[in-house]
C-alpha atoms as a PDB file:
ATOM      1  CA  MET A   1      37.956  23.946 -25.631  1.00  0.00           C
ATOM      2  CA  LEU A   2      37.770  20.432 -25.921  1.00  0.00           C
ATOM      3  CA  ASN A   3      40.073  20.046 -22.707  1.00  0.00           C
ATOM      4  CA  LYS A   4      37.276  22.135 -20.776  1.00  0.00           C
ATOM      5  CA  PHE A   5      34.212  19.828 -21.985  1.00  0.00           C
ATOM      6  CA  PHE A   6      36.371  16.648 -21.626  1.00  0.00           C
ATOM      7  CA  SER A   7      37.236  17.878 -17.692  1.00  0.00           C
ATOM      8  CA  LYS A   8      33.947  18.571 -16.573  1.00  0.00           C
ATOM      9  CA  ASN A   9      32.490  16.698 -14.252  1.00  0.00           C
ATOM     10  CA  TYR A  10      28.973  15.386 -14.758  1.00  0.00           C
ATOM     11  CA  ASP A  11      26.493  13.973 -11.873  1.00  0.00           C
ATOM     12  CA  SER A  12      25.547  10.574 -12.012  1.00  0.00           C
ATOM     13  CA  PRO A  13      21.612   9.440 -12.287  1.00  0.00           C
ATOM     14  CA  TRP A  14      21.671   8.943  -8.091  1.00  0.00           C
ATOM     15  CA  GLN A  15      22.984  12.461  -7.763  1.00  0.00           C
ATOM     16  CA  ILE A  16      20.936  13.879  -9.974  1.00  0.00           C
ATOM     17  CA  ALA A  17      17.912  11.655  -8.335  1.00  0.00           C
ATOM     18  CA  TRP A  18      18.912  13.135  -4.845  1.00  0.00           C
ATOM     19  CA  ARG A  19      19.325  16.268  -5.396  1.00  0.00           C
ATOM     20  CA  ARG A  20      15.706  15.939  -6.872  1.00  0.00           C
ATOM     21  CA  PHE A  21      14.837  13.949  -3.585  1.00  0.00           C
ATOM     22  CA  LYS A  22      15.956  17.347  -1.470  1.00  0.00           C
ATOM     23  CA  LYS A  23      13.438  19.361  -3.107  1.00  0.00           C
ATOM     24  CA  HIS A  24      10.775  17.305  -1.821  1.00  0.00           C
ATOM     25  CA  LYS A  25      10.471  18.915   1.964  1.00  0.00           C
ATOM     26  CA  LEU A  26       8.182  16.544   3.208  1.00  0.00           C
ATOM     27  CA  ALA A  27       9.955  13.631   2.183  1.00  0.00           C
ATOM     28  CA  SER A  28      13.450  15.007   3.540  1.00  0.00           C
ATOM     29  CA  TYR A  29      12.189  15.937   6.761  1.00  0.00           C
ATOM     30  CA  SER A  30      10.573  12.283   6.902  1.00  0.00           C
ATOM     31  CA  LEU A  31      13.912  10.710   5.936  1.00  0.00           C
ATOM     32  CA  ILE A  32      15.454  13.040   9.211  1.00  0.00           C
ATOM     33  CA  LEU A  33      12.269  11.774  11.007  1.00  0.00           C
ATOM     34  CA  LEU A  34      12.439   7.924  10.503  1.00  0.00           C
ATOM     35  CA  ALA A  35      16.598   7.992  10.788  1.00  0.00           C
ATOM     36  CA  LEU A  36      15.887   9.423  14.121  1.00  0.00           C
ATOM     37  CA  LEU A  37      13.437   6.843  14.934  1.00  0.00           C
ATOM     38  CA  SER A  38      15.254   4.455  13.529  1.00  0.00           C
ATOM     39  CA  LEU A  39      18.238   4.605  15.926  1.00  0.00           C
ATOM     40  CA  ILE A  40      16.577   5.230  19.115  1.00  0.00           C
ATOM     41  CA  VAL A  41      14.616   2.219  18.732  1.00  0.00           C
ATOM     42  CA  ILE A  42      17.607   0.297  17.909  1.00  0.00           C
ATOM     43  CA  LEU A  43      19.839   2.042  20.532  1.00  0.00           C
ATOM     44  CA  VAL A  44      17.828   2.872  23.389  1.00  0.00           C
ATOM     45  CA  PRO A  45      16.871  -1.138  23.978  1.00  0.00           C
ATOM     46  CA  TRP A  46      20.568  -2.192  23.362  1.00  0.00           C
ATOM     47  CA  ILE A  47      22.035   0.264  25.892  1.00  0.00           C
ATOM     48  CA  LEU A  48      18.905  -0.827  28.440  1.00  0.00           C
ATOM     49  CA  GLU A  49      20.237  -4.775  27.699  1.00  0.00           C
ATOM     50  CA  ILE A  50      23.464  -4.602  27.185  1.00  0.00           C
ATOM     51  CA  GLY A  51      24.732  -1.420  29.831  1.00  0.00           C
ATOM     52  CA  PHE A  52      21.807  -1.578  32.498  1.00  0.00           C
ATOM     53  CA  HIS A  53      20.728  -5.440  32.075  1.00  0.00           C
ATOM     54  CA  TYR A  54      17.310  -3.764  32.005  1.00  0.00           C
ATOM     55  CA  ASP A  55      14.306  -5.592  31.346  1.00  0.00           C
ATOM     56  CA  SER A  56      10.826  -4.026  29.293  1.00  0.00           C
ATOM     57  CA  ASN A  57       8.966  -7.081  31.136  1.00  0.00           C
ATOM     58  CA  VAL A  58       9.456  -6.786  34.306  1.00  0.00           C
ATOM     59  CA  THR A  59       6.443  -6.138  36.146  1.00  0.00           C
ATOM     60  CA  ARG A  60       5.816  -3.153  39.215  1.00  0.00           C
ATOM     61  CA  ILE A  61       2.538  -3.598  40.647  1.00  0.00           C
ATOM     62  CA  ASP A  62       3.109  -0.850  42.632  1.00  0.00           C
ATOM     63  CA  GLU A  63       3.571   1.666  39.871  1.00  0.00           C
ATOM     64  CA  ARG A  64       0.721   0.896  37.673  1.00  0.00           C
ATOM     65  CA  PHE A  65      -0.788   3.502  35.606  1.00  0.00           C
ATOM     66  CA  LEU A  66       2.040   6.638  36.970  1.00  0.00           C
ATOM     67  CA  PRO A  67       0.940   9.724  35.274  1.00  0.00           C
ATOM     68  CA  LEU A  68       3.363  11.539  33.059  1.00  0.00           C
ATOM     69  CA  SER A  69       6.828  12.506  34.449  1.00  0.00           C
ATOM     70  CA  TRP A  70      10.609  13.025  34.174  1.00  0.00           C
ATOM     71  CA  GLN A  71      10.879   9.411  35.456  1.00  0.00           C
ATOM     72  CA  HIS A  72       8.356   7.919  33.141  1.00  0.00           C
ATOM     73  CA  PRO A  73       8.012  10.345  30.479  1.00  0.00           C
ATOM     74  CA  LEU A  74       5.093   8.718  28.873  1.00  0.00           C
ATOM     75  CA  GLY A  75       3.644   6.885  32.300  1.00  0.00           C
ATOM     76  CA  THR A  76       3.468   3.340  32.849  1.00  0.00           C
ATOM     77  CA  ASP A  77       1.101   0.616  32.031  1.00  0.00           C
ATOM     78  CA  ASP A  78      -1.658  -1.498  34.001  1.00  0.00           C
ATOM     79  CA  LEU A  79       1.910  -3.397  34.731  1.00  0.00           C
ATOM     80  CA  GLY A  80       3.893  -0.692  36.046  1.00  0.00           C
ATOM     81  CA  ARG A  81       5.900  -1.151  32.797  1.00  0.00           C
ATOM     82  CA  ASP A  82       7.206   1.958  31.276  1.00  0.00           C
ATOM     83  CA  VAL A  83       5.197   3.273  28.355  1.00  0.00           C
ATOM     84  CA  LEU A  84       8.163   5.136  26.067  1.00  0.00           C
ATOM     85  CA  LEU A  85      10.409   2.033  26.828  1.00  0.00           C
ATOM     86  CA  ARG A  86       8.046  -0.340  25.255  1.00  0.00           C
ATOM     87  CA  ILE A  87       7.606   1.802  22.162  1.00  0.00           C
ATOM     88  CA  PHE A  88      10.883   1.735  21.702  1.00  0.00           C
ATOM     89  CA  TYR A  89      11.039  -1.987  22.098  1.00  0.00           C
ATOM     90  CA  GLY A  90       7.997  -2.265  20.028  1.00  0.00           C
ATOM     91  CA  GLY A  91       9.139  -0.154  17.647  1.00  0.00           C
ATOM     92  CA  ARG A  92      12.287  -2.634  17.330  1.00  0.00           C
ATOM     93  CA  ILE A  93      10.215  -5.442  16.444  1.00  0.00           C
ATOM     94  CA  SER A  94       7.673  -3.565  14.023  1.00  0.00           C
ATOM     95  CA  LEU A  95      10.630  -1.879  11.818  1.00  0.00           C
ATOM     96  CA  ALA A  96      12.313  -4.927  11.581  1.00  0.00           C
ATOM     97  CA  ILE A  97       9.046  -6.893  10.541  1.00  0.00           C
ATOM     98  CA  ALA A  98       8.849  -4.568   8.326  1.00  0.00           C
ATOM     99  CA  LEU A  99      12.231  -4.521   6.662  1.00  0.00           C
ATOM    100  CA  ILE A 100      12.807  -7.955   6.791  1.00  0.00           C
ATOM    101  CA  SER A 101       9.213  -8.703   4.945  1.00  0.00           C
ATOM    102  CA  ALA A 102      10.099  -6.108   2.456  1.00  0.00           C
ATOM    103  CA  PHE A 103      13.328  -7.712   1.716  1.00  0.00           C
ATOM    104  CA  PHE A 104      12.326 -11.139   0.941  1.00  0.00           C
ATOM    105  CA  SER A 105       8.883  -9.571  -0.721  1.00  0.00           C
ATOM    106  CA  LEU A 106      11.263  -8.116  -3.019  1.00  0.00           C
ATOM    107  CA  PHE A 107      13.128 -10.854  -3.678  1.00  0.00           C
ATOM    108  CA  ILE A 108      10.510 -13.019  -4.532  1.00  0.00           C
ATOM    109  CA  GLY A 109       8.889 -10.465  -6.433  1.00  0.00           C
ATOM    110  CA  LEU A 110      11.675  -9.538  -8.229  1.00  0.00           C
ATOM    111  CA  ALA A 111      12.678 -13.205  -9.026  1.00  0.00           C
ATOM    112  CA  ILE A 112       9.424 -14.008 -10.725  1.00  0.00           C
ATOM    113  CA  GLY A 113       8.527 -11.244 -12.414  1.00  0.00           C
ATOM    114  CA  ALA A 114      12.237 -11.180 -14.031  1.00  0.00           C
ATOM    115  CA  TRP A 115      11.510 -14.257 -15.189  1.00  0.00           C
ATOM    116  CA  ALA A 116       8.519 -13.711 -16.665  1.00  0.00           C
ATOM    117  CA  GLY A 117       9.541 -10.302 -18.417  1.00  0.00           C
ATOM    118  CA  TYR A 118      12.661 -12.131 -19.949  1.00  0.00           C
ATOM    119  CA  TYR A 119      11.484 -15.214 -21.325  1.00  0.00           C
ATOM    120  CA  GLY A 120       7.525 -14.129 -21.782  1.00  0.00           C
ATOM    121  CA  GLY A 121       5.645 -17.004 -23.876  1.00  0.00           C
ATOM    122  CA  LEU A 122       4.283 -19.647 -21.533  1.00  0.00           C
ATOM    123  CA  ILE A 123       6.122 -18.945 -18.606  1.00  0.00           C
ATOM    124  CA  ASP A 124       4.866 -15.107 -18.739  1.00  0.00           C
ATOM    125  CA  THR A 125       1.287 -16.568 -18.939  1.00  0.00           C
ATOM    126  CA  LEU A 126       1.492 -18.813 -16.358  1.00  0.00           C
ATOM    127  CA  LEU A 127       3.270 -16.205 -13.929  1.00  0.00           C
ATOM    128  CA  MET A 128       1.475 -13.239 -14.172  1.00  0.00           C
ATOM    129  CA  ARG A 129      -1.814 -15.238 -14.235  1.00  0.00           C
ATOM    130  CA  PHE A 130      -1.020 -16.645 -10.522  1.00  0.00           C
ATOM    131  CA  THR A 131      -0.065 -13.353  -9.804  1.00  0.00           C
ATOM    132  CA  ASP A 132      -3.221 -11.548 -11.259  1.00  0.00           C
ATOM    133  CA  ALA A 133      -5.559 -14.448  -8.712  1.00  0.00           C
ATOM    134  CA  MET A 134      -3.514 -13.275  -5.999  1.00  0.00           C
ATOM    135  CA  LEU A 135      -3.800  -9.734  -6.557  1.00  0.00           C
ATOM    136  CA  SER A 136      -7.773 -10.664  -6.535  1.00  0.00           C
ATOM    137  CA  LEU A 137      -7.912 -12.195  -3.588  1.00  0.00           C
ATOM    138  CA  PRO A 138      -9.125 -10.329  -0.098  1.00  0.00           C
ATOM    139  CA  GLN A 139      -5.761 -10.236   1.777  1.00  0.00           C
ATOM    140  CA  LEU A 140      -6.468  -8.997   4.953  1.00  0.00           C
ATOM    141  CA  PRO A 141      -9.619 -11.118   5.587  1.00  0.00           C
ATOM    142  CA  LEU A 142      -6.841 -14.236   4.139  1.00  0.00           C
ATOM    143  CA  MET A 143      -4.285 -12.488   6.788  1.00  0.00           C
ATOM    144  CA  ILE A 144      -6.168 -13.234   9.694  1.00  0.00           C
ATOM    145  CA  LEU A 145      -7.626 -16.471   8.680  1.00  0.00           C
ATOM    146  CA  LEU A 146      -3.853 -17.763   8.595  1.00  0.00           C
ATOM    147  CA  ALA A 147      -2.420 -15.967  11.610  1.00  0.00           C
ATOM    148  CA  ALA A 148      -5.461 -17.614  13.619  1.00  0.00           C
ATOM    149  CA  ILE A 149      -3.631 -21.128  12.359  1.00  0.00           C
ATOM    150  CA  ASP A 150      -1.745 -22.575  15.200  1.00  0.00           C
ATOM    151  CA  LEU A 151       1.425 -24.096  14.409  1.00  0.00           C
ATOM    152  CA  GLN A 152       1.856 -25.995  17.389  1.00  0.00           C
ATOM    153  CA  LYS A 153      -1.113 -28.339  16.013  1.00  0.00           C
ATOM    154  CA  VAL A 154      -0.302 -28.307  12.711  1.00  0.00           C
ATOM    155  CA  VAL A 155       3.599 -28.553  12.261  1.00  0.00           C
ATOM    156  CA  PRO A 156       4.884 -31.994  12.666  1.00  0.00           C
ATOM    157  CA  ASP A 157       6.747 -33.383  16.119  1.00  0.00           C
ATOM    158  CA  THR A 158       9.848 -32.926  14.304  1.00  0.00           C
ATOM    159  CA  LEU A 159       9.639 -29.863  13.299  1.00  0.00           C
ATOM    160  CA  SER A 160       7.762 -28.365  16.669  1.00  0.00           C
ATOM    161  CA  PHE A 161      10.748 -26.179  17.704  1.00  0.00           C
ATOM    162  CA  ILE A 162       9.486 -23.857  14.756  1.00  0.00           C
ATOM    163  CA  ALA A 163       6.649 -23.213  16.567  1.00  0.00           C
ATOM    164  CA  ARG A 164       7.562 -23.089  19.975  1.00  0.00           C
ATOM    165  CA  GLY A 165       8.997 -19.744  21.811  1.00  0.00           C
ATOM    166  CA  ASN A 166       8.769 -15.966  21.556  1.00  0.00           C
ATOM    167  CA  THR A 167       9.603 -16.141  18.172  1.00  0.00           C
ATOM    168  CA  ALA A 168       7.272 -18.447  16.364  1.00  0.00           C
ATOM    169  CA  SER A 169       4.194 -15.513  16.294  1.00  0.00           C
ATOM    170  CA  MET A 170       7.119 -13.430  14.743  1.00  0.00           C
ATOM    171  CA  ILE A 171       7.888 -15.519  11.958  1.00  0.00           C
ATOM    172  CA  LYS A 172       4.900 -16.784  11.398  1.00  0.00           C
ATOM    173  CA  LEU A 173       4.065 -13.012  10.708  1.00  0.00           C
ATOM    174  CA  MET A 174       6.618 -12.455   8.277  1.00  0.00           C
ATOM    175  CA  ILE A 175       5.738 -15.321   6.397  1.00  0.00           C
ATOM    176  CA  ILE A 176       1.886 -14.485   5.753  1.00  0.00           C
ATOM    177  CA  VAL A 177       2.540 -10.871   4.905  1.00  0.00           C
ATOM    178  CA  VAL A 178       5.389 -11.909   2.572  1.00  0.00           C
ATOM    179  CA  PHE A 179       3.459 -14.748   0.659  1.00  0.00           C
ATOM    180  CA  PHE A 180       0.852 -11.684   0.183  1.00  0.00           C
ATOM    181  CA  GLY A 181       3.298  -8.993  -0.602  1.00  0.00           C
ATOM    182  CA  TRP A 182       5.432  -9.643  -3.294  1.00  0.00           C
ATOM    183  CA  MET A 183       3.007  -9.241  -6.515  1.00  0.00           C
ATOM    184  CA  THR A 184       2.924  -5.545  -6.777  1.00  0.00           C
ATOM    185  CA  VAL A 185       7.162  -5.730  -7.409  1.00  0.00           C
ATOM    186  CA  ALA A 186       6.469  -8.620  -9.696  1.00  0.00           C
ATOM    187  CA  ARG A 187       4.298  -6.802 -12.092  1.00  0.00           C
ATOM    188  CA  LEU A 188       6.638  -3.499 -12.079  1.00  0.00           C
ATOM    189  CA  VAL A 189       9.628  -5.819 -12.761  1.00  0.00           C
ATOM    190  CA  ARG A 190       7.823  -7.338 -15.449  1.00  0.00           C
ATOM    191  CA  GLY A 191       6.932  -4.387 -16.846  1.00  0.00           C
ATOM    192  CA  GLU A 192      10.513  -2.882 -16.814  1.00  0.00           C
ATOM    193  CA  PHE A 193      11.741  -6.103 -18.316  1.00  0.00           C
ATOM    194  CA  LEU A 194       9.733  -6.135 -20.965  1.00  0.00           C
ATOM    195  CA  SER A 195      11.174  -2.962 -22.185  1.00  0.00           C
ATOM    196  CA  LEU A 196      14.558  -3.374 -20.947  1.00  0.00           C
ATOM    197  CA  LYS A 197      14.912  -6.675 -23.288  1.00  0.00           C
ATOM    198  CA  GLU A 198      14.067  -4.857 -26.583  1.00  0.00           C
ATOM    199  CA  TRP A 199      16.690  -2.575 -25.776  1.00  0.00           C
ATOM    200  CA  GLU A 200      20.480  -2.173 -28.269  1.00  0.00           C
ATOM    201  CA  PHE A 201      22.643  -3.320 -25.247  1.00  0.00           C
ATOM    202  CA  VAL A 202      20.677  -6.346 -24.305  1.00  0.00           C
ATOM    203  CA  GLN A 203      20.236  -7.335 -27.703  1.00  0.00           C
ATOM    204  CA  ALA A 204      24.119  -6.740 -28.287  1.00  0.00           C
ATOM    205  CA  ALA A 205      24.855  -9.019 -24.770  1.00  0.00           C
ATOM    206  CA  LYS A 206      22.467 -11.723 -26.345  1.00  0.00           C
ATOM    207  CA  GLY A 207      24.203 -11.420 -29.745  1.00  0.00           C
ATOM    208  CA  ILE A 208      27.406 -12.116 -28.378  1.00  0.00           C
ATOM    209  CA  GLY A 209      26.747 -15.070 -26.337  1.00  0.00           C
ATOM    210  CA  VAL A 210      26.310 -13.712 -22.573  1.00  0.00           C
ATOM    211  CA  PRO A 211      24.351 -16.249 -20.441  1.00  0.00           C
ATOM    212  CA  ASN A 212      20.547 -14.976 -19.650  1.00  0.00           C
ATOM    213  CA  ARG A 213      21.582 -15.260 -16.196  1.00  0.00           C
ATOM    214  CA  LYS A 214      24.449 -12.528 -16.544  1.00  0.00           C
ATOM    215  CA  ILE A 215      21.963 -10.556 -18.883  1.00  0.00           C
ATOM    216  CA  ILE A 216      19.325 -10.670 -16.337  1.00  0.00           C
ATOM    217  CA  TRP A 217      21.613  -9.582 -12.943  1.00  0.00           C
ATOM    218  CA  ARG A 218      24.344  -7.429 -14.667  1.00  0.00           C
ATOM    219  CA  HIS A 219      22.312  -5.359 -17.216  1.00  0.00           C
ATOM    220  CA  MET A 220      18.440  -5.681 -16.548  1.00  0.00           C
ATOM    221  CA  ILE A 221      18.057  -5.518 -13.262  1.00  0.00           C
ATOM    222  CA  PRO A 222      20.250  -2.159 -12.129  1.00  0.00           C
ATOM    223  CA  ASN A 223      18.562  -0.563 -14.837  1.00  0.00           C
ATOM    224  CA  CYS A 224      15.099  -1.212 -13.316  1.00  0.00           C
ATOM    225  CA  ILE A 225      16.029  -0.988 -10.129  1.00  0.00           C
ATOM    226  CA  ALA A 226      14.859   2.834  -9.308  1.00  0.00           C
ATOM    227  CA  PRO A 227      11.068   1.729  -9.850  1.00  0.00           C
ATOM    228  CA  ILE A 228      11.512  -1.551  -7.283  1.00  0.00           C
ATOM    229  CA  ILE A 229      13.132   0.787  -4.585  1.00  0.00           C
ATOM    230  CA  VAL A 230       9.913   3.093  -4.368  1.00  0.00           C
ATOM    231  CA  ALA A 231       7.306   0.054  -4.686  1.00  0.00           C
ATOM    232  CA  THR A 232       9.137  -1.691  -1.729  1.00  0.00           C
ATOM    233  CA  THR A 233       9.438   1.523   0.414  1.00  0.00           C
ATOM    234  CA  LEU A 234       5.941   2.421  -0.128  1.00  0.00           C
ATOM    235  CA  SER A 235       5.398  -1.317   0.872  1.00  0.00           C
ATOM    236  CA  MET A 236       7.024  -0.792   4.129  1.00  0.00           C
ATOM    237  CA  GLY A 237       4.295   1.245   5.181  1.00  0.00           C
ATOM    238  CA  SER A 238       1.475  -1.189   4.667  1.00  0.00           C
ATOM    239  CA  ILE A 239       3.655  -4.123   6.335  1.00  0.00           C
ATOM    240  CA  ILE A 240       3.609  -1.590   9.725  1.00  0.00           C
ATOM    241  CA  LEU A 241       0.236  -1.408   9.418  1.00  0.00           C
ATOM    242  CA  TYR A 242      -0.881  -5.258   8.866  1.00  0.00           C
ATOM    243  CA  GLU A 243       1.243  -6.165  11.873  1.00  0.00           C
ATOM    244  CA  ALA A 244      -0.326  -3.367  14.009  1.00  0.00           C
ATOM    245  CA  VAL A 245      -3.597  -5.180  12.588  1.00  0.00           C
ATOM    246  CA  LEU A 246      -3.006  -8.749  13.322  1.00  0.00           C
ATOM    247  CA  SER A 247      -1.186  -8.308  16.618  1.00  0.00           C
ATOM    248  CA  PHE A 248      -4.162  -5.303  17.772  1.00  0.00           C
ATOM    249  CA  LEU A 249      -6.822  -9.034  17.149  1.00  0.00           C
ATOM    250  CA  GLY A 250      -4.288 -10.883  19.415  1.00  0.00           C
ATOM    251  CA  LEU A 251      -2.859 -12.889  16.052  1.00  0.00           C
ATOM    252  CA  GLY A 252       0.215 -10.571  15.515  1.00  0.00           C
ATOM    253  CA  VAL A 253       3.120 -10.642  17.909  1.00  0.00           C
ATOM    254  CA  GLN A 254       2.387 -12.416  21.206  1.00  0.00           C
ATOM    255  CA  PRO A 255       3.033 -11.261  24.768  1.00  0.00           C
ATOM    256  CA  PRO A 256       5.670 -11.105  26.658  1.00  0.00           C
ATOM    257  CA  ILE A 257       7.108  -9.104  23.190  1.00  0.00           C
ATOM    258  CA  PRO A 258       6.169  -5.780  22.866  1.00  0.00           C
ATOM    259  CA  SER A 259       5.205  -4.205  19.437  1.00  0.00           C
ATOM    260  CA  TRP A 260       2.984  -0.792  18.202  1.00  0.00           C
ATOM    261  CA  GLY A 261       0.054  -3.228  17.765  1.00  0.00           C
ATOM    262  CA  ASN A 262      -0.311  -5.518  20.504  1.00  0.00           C
ATOM    263  CA  MET A 263       0.484  -2.550  22.932  1.00  0.00           C
ATOM    264  CA  LEU A 264      -3.208  -1.159  21.397  1.00  0.00           C
ATOM    265  CA  ASN A 265      -4.478  -4.302  21.922  1.00  0.00           C
ATOM    266  CA  ASN A 266      -3.732  -4.051  25.498  1.00  0.00           C
ATOM    267  CA  ALA A 267      -4.276  -0.562  25.985  1.00  0.00           C
ATOM    268  CA  GLN A 268      -7.920  -0.889  24.746  1.00  0.00           C
ATOM    269  CA  GLU A 269      -9.030  -2.407  28.343  1.00  0.00           C
ATOM    270  CA  TYR A 270      -8.334   0.551  30.253  1.00  0.00           C
ATOM    271  CA  ILE A 271      -9.199   2.863  27.523  1.00  0.00           C
ATOM    272  CA  ARG A 272     -11.210   4.604  29.741  1.00  0.00           C
ATOM    273  CA  LEU A 273      -8.843   4.733  32.589  1.00  0.00           C
ATOM    274  CA  ALA A 274      -5.460   5.212  30.938  1.00  0.00           C
ATOM    275  CA  PRO A 275      -6.605   6.402  27.190  1.00  0.00           C
ATOM    276  CA  LEU A 276      -3.049   7.348  26.268  1.00  0.00           C
ATOM    277  CA  LEU A 277      -1.605   3.894  26.798  1.00  0.00           C
ATOM    278  CA  ALA A 278      -3.830   3.720  23.529  1.00  0.00           C
ATOM    279  CA  PHE A 279      -2.594   7.157  21.862  1.00  0.00           C
ATOM    280  CA  PHE A 280       1.162   7.072  22.099  1.00  0.00           C
ATOM    281  CA  PRO A 281       1.563   3.384  20.074  1.00  0.00           C
ATOM    282  CA  GLY A 282      -0.941   4.816  17.373  1.00  0.00           C
ATOM    283  CA  PHE A 283       0.658   8.092  16.976  1.00  0.00           C
ATOM    284  CA  PHE A 284       4.280   6.116  16.565  1.00  0.00           C
ATOM    285  CA  ILE A 285       2.176   3.727  14.008  1.00  0.00           C
ATOM    286  CA  LEU A 286       0.860   7.206  12.095  1.00  0.00           C
ATOM    287  CA  ILE A 287       4.221   9.363  12.089  1.00  0.00           C
ATOM    288  CA  THR A 288       6.016   6.132  10.979  1.00  0.00           C
ATOM    289  CA  VAL A 289       3.382   5.328   7.927  1.00  0.00           C
ATOM    290  CA  VAL A 290       3.284   8.878   6.901  1.00  0.00           C
ATOM    291  CA  SER A 291       6.986   9.244   6.639  1.00  0.00           C
ATOM    292  CA  ILE A 292       7.631   6.572   4.628  1.00  0.00           C
ATOM    293  CA  ASN A 293       4.561   7.035   2.375  1.00  0.00           C
ATOM    294  CA  PHE A 294       6.482  10.679   2.320  1.00  0.00           C
ATOM    295  CA  ILE A 295       9.720   9.600   1.510  1.00  0.00           C
ATOM    296  CA  GLY A 296       8.337   6.721  -1.047  1.00  0.00           C
ATOM    297  CA  ASP A 297       6.369   9.902  -3.042  1.00  0.00           C
ATOM    298  CA  GLY A 298       9.769  11.764  -2.869  1.00  0.00           C
ATOM    299  CA  LEU A 299      11.551   8.690  -4.275  1.00  0.00           C
ATOM    300  CA  ARG A 300       8.958   8.589  -6.752  1.00  0.00           C
ATOM    301  CA  ASP A 301       9.238  12.394  -7.786  1.00  0.00           C
ATOM    302  CA  ALA A 302      13.426  11.950  -7.711  1.00  0.00           C
ATOM    303  CA  PHE A 303      13.650   8.885  -9.899  1.00  0.00           C
ATOM    304  CA  ASP A 304      10.542  10.035 -12.354  1.00  0.00           C
ATOM    305  CA  PRO A 305      10.673  13.648 -12.548  1.00  0.00           C
ATOM    306  CA  GLN A 306       8.084  13.583 -15.607  1.00  0.00           C
ATOM    307  CA  PHE A 307       5.410  12.090 -12.967  1.00  0.00           C
ATOM    308  CA  VAL A 308       5.371  15.674 -11.338  1.00  0.00           C
ATOM    309  CA  ASN A 309       4.445  17.309 -14.692  1.00  0.00           C
ATOM    310  CA  ARG A 310       1.747  14.390 -14.800  1.00  0.00           C
ATOM    311  CA  ARG A 311       0.155  15.064 -11.518  1.00  0.00           C
END
């Protein structure tokens, strides 16, 4: 009897969460869709660049506004460029900006929230009041204001190389998004740390002289990783929308680098002549953001089954 009890294999918390996640059909289908889309936008441009030396920015004036065909499944734009391939290239840029910005927002929010929650006192008060002040700001208008700043006129001559080149607009956009994107994670981590630091295993680690840094990184952060994953996943959808809005206004990713946002910006001039030029980038933004939100909802249900009963 005892042998049967001790030999039984028990599922880990991650296996249990994965099983719950798979029961969320919309989240499962969204994960498959997002994985396929990510593979396509990564592999197709890479194969075309390496294998066929294809340049998505080459113009073909004699092929402007071609209709949907086998050669051009989504037609061509005002400069004769294939719309489908530019959507793939633009998707790579938009997803990369979302992923990198979400990572740095997570890192900053994790550091501030962990520091405030673990040490408490004056540190907690100062950091959380600063966080509350940041949350109270109107984010989108301030993003537009900061994105409108011309770095070439602000950055000193010794650092002018940062403000030049096609990647400067992307770097500026990511910095702006990260600047306004860390607060939710910080508050979430701080709340988890306030609870965890009273648990027995943390008190025992303090009692035997384990350094604070090791307690934070080895004992406390792994125990609050689930809600952090959920918050970071949901933030990626917002970042894609912010990128699309700023690029649509001409303040984000700058041509000739394609992104879904600046493709919408380019299409507005030809909305009557070729309305599909605006439809396709908007459609890909829609399905990507909705898929990410469904995945985040599924992760929340998987890691917090009590939330399902409270809804």
